Amino acid sequence: MSSSVRHRVRTHRAQLRAMGLRPIQIWVPDVRSPDFKEEVLRQSRAVAACPDAAETMNFLEDIQDLGDEP
């Protein structure tokens, strides 16, 4: 990385910190992974196979928008 790029990045990060922000790093599931797809299918099938699937699906639909309302 050239020194001008490093300087711009350093300046930008300093501005963000001055605004009260801090950097974080998070790890999330790789939704492109075949393992992820398999797990999604496994969980979906488990929900669909349960005796009260309709009630479970209604519950999931009800809670999916939690936090969206003011």
PDB file of N, CA and C in Angstrom:
ATOM      1  N   MET A   1       0.862  -1.168   0.000  1.00  0.00           N
ATOM      2  CA  MET A   1       0.000   0.000   0.000  1.00  0.00           C
ATOM      3  C   MET A   1       0.905   1.226   0.000  1.00  0.00           C
ATOM      4  N   SER A   2       0.628   2.172  -0.887  1.00  0.00           N
ATOM      5  CA  SER A   2       1.469   3.369  -0.948  1.00  0.00           C
ATOM      6  C   SER A   2       1.222   4.249   0.268  1.00  0.00           C
ATOM      7  N   SER A   3       2.184   5.141   0.522  1.00  0.00           N
ATOM      8  CA  SER A   3       2.068   5.982   1.716  1.00  0.00           C
ATOM      9  C   SER A   3       0.889   6.937   1.622  1.00  0.00           C
ATOM     10  N   SER A   4       0.525   7.391   0.404  1.00  0.00           N
ATOM     11  CA  SER A   4      -0.622   8.299   0.293  1.00  0.00           C
ATOM     12  C   SER A   4      -1.927   7.571   0.631  1.00  0.00           C
ATOM     13  N   VAL A   5      -2.038   6.323   0.233  1.00  0.00           N
ATOM     14  CA  VAL A   5      -3.229   5.535   0.562  1.00  0.00           C
ATOM     15  C   VAL A   5      -3.267   5.293   2.064  1.00  0.00           C
ATOM     16  N   ARG A   6      -2.131   4.925   2.639  1.00  0.00           N
ATOM     17  CA  ARG A   6      -2.059   4.716   4.082  1.00  0.00           C
ATOM     18  C   ARG A   6      -2.450   5.975   4.842  1.00  0.00           C
ATOM     19  N   HIS A   7      -1.984   7.108   4.353  1.00  0.00           N
ATOM     20  CA  HIS A   7      -2.311   8.386   5.005  1.00  0.00           C
ATOM     21  C   HIS A   7      -3.817   8.656   4.934  1.00  0.00           C
ATOM     22  N   ARG A   8      -4.417   8.437   3.758  1.00  0.00           N
ATOM     23  CA  ARG A   8      -5.865   8.660   3.610  1.00  0.00           C
ATOM     24  C   ARG A   8      -6.654   7.730   4.522  1.00  0.00           C
ATOM     25  N   VAL A   9      -6.249   6.474   4.581  1.00  0.00           N
ATOM     26  CA  VAL A   9      -6.938   5.505   5.437  1.00  0.00           C
ATOM     27  C   VAL A   9      -6.793   5.917   6.897  1.00  0.00           C
ATOM     28  N   ARG A  10      -5.583   6.289   7.301  1.00  0.00           N
ATOM     29  CA  ARG A  10      -5.344   6.713   8.682  1.00  0.00           C
ATOM     30  C   ARG A  10      -6.193   7.936   9.025  1.00  0.00           C
ATOM     31  N   THR A  11      -6.246   8.901   8.100  1.00  0.00           N
ATOM     32  CA  THR A  11      -7.039  10.114   8.314  1.00  0.00           C
ATOM     33  C   THR A  11      -8.523   9.777   8.422  1.00  0.00           C
ATOM     34  N   HIS A  12      -8.991   8.929   7.523  1.00  0.00           N
ATOM     35  CA  HIS A  12     -10.405   8.543   7.526  1.00  0.00           C
ATOM     36  C   HIS A  12     -10.762   7.834   8.830  1.00  0.00           C
ATOM     37  N   ARG A  13      -9.914   6.924   9.259  1.00  0.00           N
ATOM     38  CA  ARG A  13     -10.177   6.204  10.510  1.00  0.00           C
ATOM     39  C   ARG A  13     -10.138   7.143  11.710  1.00  0.00           C
ATOM     40  N   ALA A  14      -9.247   8.102  11.686  1.00  0.00           N
ATOM     41  CA  ALA A  14      -9.184   9.084  12.777  1.00  0.00           C
ATOM     42  C   ALA A  14     -10.468   9.906  12.824  1.00  0.00           C
ATOM     43  N   GLN A  15     -10.996  10.261  11.654  1.00  0.00           N
ATOM     44  CA  GLN A  15     -12.260  11.014  11.601  1.00  0.00           C
ATOM     45  C   GLN A  15     -13.407  10.177  12.167  1.00  0.00           C
ATOM     46  N   LEU A  16     -13.439   8.914  11.815  1.00  0.00           N
ATOM     47  CA  LEU A  16     -14.485   8.031  12.333  1.00  0.00           C
ATOM     48  C   LEU A  16     -14.381   7.895  13.852  1.00  0.00           C
ATOM     49  N   ARG A  17     -13.161   7.740  14.346  1.00  0.00           N
ATOM     50  CA  ARG A  17     -12.977   7.651  15.802  1.00  0.00           C
ATOM     51  C   ARG A  17     -13.405   8.946  16.483  1.00  0.00           C
ATOM     52  N   ALA A  18     -13.112  10.082  15.844  1.00  0.00           N
ATOM     53  CA  ALA A  18     -13.506  11.380  16.396  1.00  0.00           C
ATOM     54  C   ALA A  18     -15.025  11.509  16.467  1.00  0.00           C
ATOM     55  N   MET A  19     -15.729  10.770  15.612  1.00  0.00           N
ATOM     56  CA  MET A  19     -17.195  10.779  15.626  1.00  0.00           C
ATOM     57  C   MET A  19     -17.742   9.788  16.659  1.00  0.00           C
ATOM     58  N   GLY A  20     -16.843   9.154  17.400  1.00  0.00           N
ATOM     59  CA  GLY A  20     -17.278   8.220  18.436  1.00  0.00           C
ATOM     60  C   GLY A  20     -17.446   6.797  17.952  1.00  0.00           C
ATOM     61  N   LEU A  21     -16.947   6.487  16.777  1.00  0.00           N
ATOM     62  CA  LEU A  21     -17.060   5.131  16.234  1.00  0.00           C
ATOM     63  C   LEU A  21     -15.775   4.362  16.503  1.00  0.00           C
ATOM     64  N   ARG A  22     -15.891   3.046  16.468  1.00  0.00           N
ATOM     65  CA  ARG A  22     -14.709   2.210  16.616  1.00  0.00           C
ATOM     66  C   ARG A  22     -14.814   1.043  15.647  1.00  0.00           C
ATOM     67  N   PRO A  23     -13.688   0.552  15.169  1.00  0.00           N
ATOM     68  CA  PRO A  23     -13.721  -0.571  14.232  1.00  0.00           C
ATOM     69  C   PRO A  23     -13.984  -1.884  14.967  1.00  0.00           C
ATOM     70  N   ILE A  24     -14.712  -2.763  14.313  1.00  0.00           N
ATOM     71  CA  ILE A  24     -14.921  -4.112  14.835  1.00  0.00           C
ATOM     72  C   ILE A  24     -14.787  -5.091  13.686  1.00  0.00           C
ATOM     73  N   GLN A  25     -14.516  -6.324  14.008  1.00  0.00           N
ATOM     74  CA  GLN A  25     -14.464  -7.379  13.004  1.00  0.00           C
ATOM     75  C   GLN A  25     -15.446  -8.447  13.436  1.00  0.00           C
ATOM     76  N   ILE A  26     -16.299  -8.874  12.516  1.00  0.00           N
ATOM     77  CA  ILE A  26     -17.249  -9.932  12.836  1.00  0.00           C
ATOM     78  C   ILE A  26     -17.127 -11.046  11.807  1.00  0.00           C
ATOM     79  N   TRP A  27     -17.436 -12.229  12.246  1.00  0.00           N
ATOM     80  CA  TRP A  27     -17.444 -13.389  11.370  1.00  0.00           C
ATOM     81  C   TRP A  27     -18.887 -13.849  11.222  1.00  0.00           C
ATOM     82  N   VAL A  28     -19.301 -14.056  10.006  1.00  0.00           N
ATOM     83  CA  VAL A  28     -20.673 -14.476   9.729  1.00  0.00           C
ATOM     84  C   VAL A  28     -20.647 -15.740   8.876  1.00  0.00           C
ATOM     85  N   PRO A  29     -21.724 -16.514   8.893  1.00  0.00           N
ATOM     86  CA  PRO A  29     -21.759 -17.717   8.054  1.00  0.00           C
ATOM     87  C   PRO A  29     -21.606 -17.360   6.575  1.00  0.00           C
ATOM     88  N   ASP A  30     -20.883 -18.200   5.859  1.00  0.00           N
ATOM     89  CA  ASP A  30     -20.719 -18.016   4.418  1.00  0.00           C
ATOM     90  C   ASP A  30     -21.937 -18.629   3.736  1.00  0.00           C
ATOM     91  N   VAL A  31     -22.869 -17.777   3.325  1.00  0.00           N
ATOM     92  CA  VAL A  31     -24.120 -18.265   2.744  1.00  0.00           C
ATOM     93  C   VAL A  31     -23.910 -18.906   1.376  1.00  0.00           C
ATOM     94  N   ARG A  32     -22.709 -18.802   0.832  1.00  0.00           N
ATOM     95  CA  ARG A  32     -22.414 -19.443  -0.458  1.00  0.00           C
ATOM     96  C   ARG A  32     -21.916 -20.868  -0.280  1.00  0.00           C
ATOM     97  N   SER A  33     -21.634 -21.253   0.954  1.00  0.00           N
ATOM     98  CA  SER A  33     -21.069 -22.564   1.247  1.00  0.00           C
ATOM     99  C   SER A  33     -22.108 -23.671   1.077  1.00  0.00           C
ATOM    100  N   PRO A  34     -21.712 -24.790   0.484  1.00  0.00           N
ATOM    101  CA  PRO A  34     -22.629 -25.937   0.400  1.00  0.00           C
ATOM    102  C   PRO A  34     -23.054 -26.423   1.791  1.00  0.00           C
ATOM    103  N   ASP A  35     -22.160 -26.325   2.767  1.00  0.00           N
ATOM    104  CA  ASP A  35     -22.510 -26.729   4.135  1.00  0.00           C
ATOM    105  C   ASP A  35     -23.622 -25.852   4.695  1.00  0.00           C
ATOM    106  N   PHE A  36     -23.573 -24.563   4.391  1.00  0.00           N
ATOM    107  CA  PHE A  36     -24.617 -23.649   4.854  1.00  0.00           C
ATOM    108  C   PHE A  36     -25.958 -24.042   4.232  1.00  0.00           C
ATOM    109  N   LYS A  37     -25.941 -24.307   2.933  1.00  0.00           N
ATOM    110  CA  LYS A  37     -27.173 -24.699   2.240  1.00  0.00           C
ATOM    111  C   LYS A  37     -27.746 -25.978   2.848  1.00  0.00           C
ATOM    112  N   GLU A  38     -26.883 -26.940   3.126  1.00  0.00           N
ATOM    113  CA  GLU A  38     -27.343 -28.195   3.736  1.00  0.00           C
ATOM    114  C   GLU A  38     -27.987 -27.948   5.094  1.00  0.00           C
ATOM    115  N   GLU A  39     -27.380 -27.076   5.895  1.00  0.00           N
ATOM    116  CA  GLU A  39     -27.917 -26.798   7.226  1.00  0.00           C
ATOM    117  C   GLU A  39     -29.256 -26.073   7.135  1.00  0.00           C
ATOM    118  N   VAL A  40     -29.377 -25.148   6.195  1.00  0.00           N
ATOM    119  CA  VAL A  40     -30.654 -24.451   5.995  1.00  0.00           C
ATOM    120  C   VAL A  40     -31.735 -25.455   5.609  1.00  0.00           C
ATOM    121  N   LEU A  41     -31.414 -26.346   4.699  1.00  0.00           N
ATOM    122  CA  LEU A  41     -32.384 -27.362   4.286  1.00  0.00           C
ATOM    123  C   LEU A  41     -32.753 -28.278   5.449  1.00  0.00           C
ATOM    124  N   ARG A  42     -31.753 -28.678   6.249  1.00  0.00           N
ATOM    125  CA  ARG A  42     -32.015 -29.547   7.392  1.00  0.00           C
ATOM    126  C   ARG A  42     -32.972 -28.880   8.373  1.00  0.00           C
ATOM    127  N   GLN A  43     -32.700 -27.610   8.684  1.00  0.00           N
ATOM    128  CA  GLN A  43     -33.556 -26.907   9.632  1.00  0.00           C
ATOM    129  C   GLN A  43     -34.953 -26.673   9.059  1.00  0.00           C
ATOM    130  N   SER A  44     -35.029 -26.350   7.781  1.00  0.00           N
ATOM    131  CA  SER A  44     -36.332 -26.133   7.144  1.00  0.00           C
ATOM    132  C   SER A  44     -37.166 -27.407   7.151  1.00  0.00           C
ATOM    133  N   ARG A  45     -36.513 -28.515   6.851  1.00  0.00           N
ATOM    134  CA  ARG A  45     -37.229 -29.797   6.854  1.00  0.00           C
ATOM    135  C   ARG A  45     -37.674 -30.177   8.262  1.00  0.00           C
ATOM    136  N   ALA A  46     -36.845 -29.868   9.252  1.00  0.00           N
ATOM    137  CA  ALA A  46     -37.207 -30.174  10.639  1.00  0.00           C
ATOM    138  C   ALA A  46     -38.441 -29.385  11.055  1.00  0.00           C
ATOM    139  N   VAL A  47     -38.498 -28.121  10.674  1.00  0.00           N
ATOM    140  CA  VAL A  47     -39.673 -27.303  11.001  1.00  0.00           C
ATOM    141  C   VAL A  47     -40.897 -27.831  10.267  1.00  0.00           C
ATOM    142  N   ALA A  48     -40.739 -28.153   8.987  1.00  0.00           N
ATOM    143  CA  ALA A  48     -41.869 -28.634   8.193  1.00  0.00           C
ATOM    144  C   ALA A  48     -42.387 -29.982   8.693  1.00  0.00           C
ATOM    145  N   ALA A  49     -41.513 -30.789   9.274  1.00  0.00           N
ATOM    146  CA  ALA A  49     -41.908 -32.129   9.716  1.00  0.00           C
ATOM    147  C   ALA A  49     -42.516 -32.155  11.111  1.00  0.00           C
ATOM    148  N   CYS A  50     -42.403 -31.079  11.848  1.00  0.00           N
ATOM    149  CA  CYS A  50     -42.938 -31.110  13.213  1.00  0.00           C
ATOM    150  C   CYS A  50     -44.467 -31.099  13.173  1.00  0.00           C
ATOM    151  N   PRO A  51     -45.094 -31.728  14.159  1.00  0.00           N
ATOM    152  CA  PRO A  51     -46.554 -31.862  14.172  1.00  0.00           C
ATOM    153  C   PRO A  51     -47.293 -30.520  14.146  1.00  0.00           C
ATOM    154  N   ASP A  52     -46.702 -29.508  14.741  1.00  0.00           N
ATOM    155  CA  ASP A  52     -47.367 -28.203  14.753  1.00  0.00           C
ATOM    156  C   ASP A  52     -46.660 -27.222  13.810  1.00  0.00           C
ATOM    157  N   ALA A  53     -46.337 -27.702  12.606  1.00  0.00           N
ATOM    158  CA  ALA A  53     -45.601 -26.896  11.629  1.00  0.00           C
ATOM    159  C   ALA A  53     -46.320 -25.594  11.302  1.00  0.00           C
ATOM    160  N   ALA A  54     -47.628 -25.642  11.142  1.00  0.00           N
ATOM    161  CA  ALA A  54     -48.375 -24.426  10.794  1.00  0.00           C
ATOM    162  C   ALA A  54     -48.248 -23.385  11.901  1.00  0.00           C
ATOM    163  N   GLU A  55     -48.375 -23.837  13.146  1.00  0.00           N
ATOM    164  CA  GLU A  55     -48.244 -22.914  14.281  1.00  0.00           C
ATOM    165  C   GLU A  55     -46.820 -22.352  14.355  1.00  0.00           C
ATOM    166  N   THR A  56     -45.840 -23.210  14.114  1.00  0.00           N
ATOM    167  CA  THR A  56     -44.445 -22.773  14.139  1.00  0.00           C
ATOM    168  C   THR A  56     -44.187 -21.750  13.044  1.00  0.00           C
ATOM    169  N   MET A  57     -44.691 -22.014  11.844  1.00  0.00           N
ATOM    170  CA  MET A  57     -44.497 -21.072  10.737  1.00  0.00           C
ATOM    171  C   MET A  57     -45.180 -19.740  11.026  1.00  0.00           C
ATOM    172  N   ASN A  58     -46.370 -19.785  11.607  1.00  0.00           N
ATOM    173  CA  ASN A  58     -47.056 -18.543  11.975  1.00  0.00           C
ATOM    174  C   ASN A  58     -46.224 -17.749  12.974  1.00  0.00           C
ATOM    175  N   PHE A  59     -45.651 -18.442  13.949  1.00  0.00           N
ATOM    176  CA  PHE A  59     -44.795 -17.786  14.938  1.00  0.00           C
ATOM    177  C   PHE A  59     -43.586 -17.143  14.260  1.00  0.00           C
ATOM    178  N   LEU A  60     -42.921 -17.893  13.380  1.00  0.00           N
ATOM    179  CA  LEU A  60     -41.749 -17.358  12.688  1.00  0.00           C
ATOM    180  C   LEU A  60     -42.105 -16.147  11.836  1.00  0.00           C
ATOM    181  N   GLU A  61     -43.240 -16.197  11.172  1.00  0.00           N
ATOM    182  CA  GLU A  61     -43.677 -15.054  10.370  1.00  0.00           C
ATOM    183  C   GLU A  61     -43.985 -13.851  11.251  1.00  0.00           C
ATOM    184  N   ASP A  62     -44.571 -14.103  12.420  1.00  0.00           N
ATOM    185  CA  ASP A  62     -44.897 -13.006  13.335  1.00  0.00           C
ATOM    186  C   ASP A  62     -43.648 -12.308  13.863  1.00  0.00           C
ATOM    187  N   ILE A  63     -42.600 -13.080  14.150  1.00  0.00           N
ATOM    188  CA  ILE A  63     -41.414 -12.467  14.754  1.00  0.00           C
ATOM    189  C   ILE A  63     -40.394 -11.958  13.741  1.00  0.00           C
ATOM    190  N   GLN A  64     -40.554 -12.284  12.473  1.00  0.00           N
ATOM    191  CA  GLN A  64     -39.541 -11.884  11.497  1.00  0.00           C
ATOM    192  C   GLN A  64     -39.430 -10.373  11.345  1.00  0.00           C
ATOM    193  N   ASP A  65     -40.484  -9.646  11.660  1.00  0.00           N
ATOM    194  CA  ASP A  65     -40.456  -8.199  11.506  1.00  0.00           C
ATOM    195  C   ASP A  65     -40.260  -7.459  12.824  1.00  0.00           C
ATOM    196  N   LEU A  66     -39.938  -8.176  13.887  1.00  0.00           N
ATOM    197  CA  LEU A  66     -39.725  -7.517  15.175  1.00  0.00           C
ATOM    198  C   LEU A  66     -38.611  -6.487  15.039  1.00  0.00           C
ATOM    199  N   GLY A  67     -38.840  -5.343  15.597  1.00  0.00           N
ATOM    200  CA  GLY A  67     -37.837  -4.292  15.538  1.00  0.00           C
ATOM    201  C   GLY A  67     -37.991  -3.368  14.352  1.00  0.00           C
ATOM    202  N   ASP A  68     -38.834  -3.724  13.387  1.00  0.00           N
ATOM    203  CA  ASP A  68     -39.044  -2.868  12.219  1.00  0.00           C
ATOM    204  C   ASP A  68     -40.010  -1.735  12.513  1.00  0.00           C
ATOM    205  N   GLU A  69     -40.834  -1.920  13.544  1.00  0.00           N
ATOM    206  CA  GLU A  69     -41.835  -0.903  13.866  1.00  0.00           C
ATOM    207  C   GLU A  69     -41.232   0.132  14.804  1.00  0.00           C
ATOM    208  N   PRO A  70     -41.652   1.394  14.647  1.00  0.00           N
ATOM    209  CA  PRO A  70     -41.112   2.453  15.514  1.00  0.00           C
ATOM    210  C   PRO A  70     -41.542   2.313  16.952  1.00  0.00           C
TER     211      PRO A  70
END
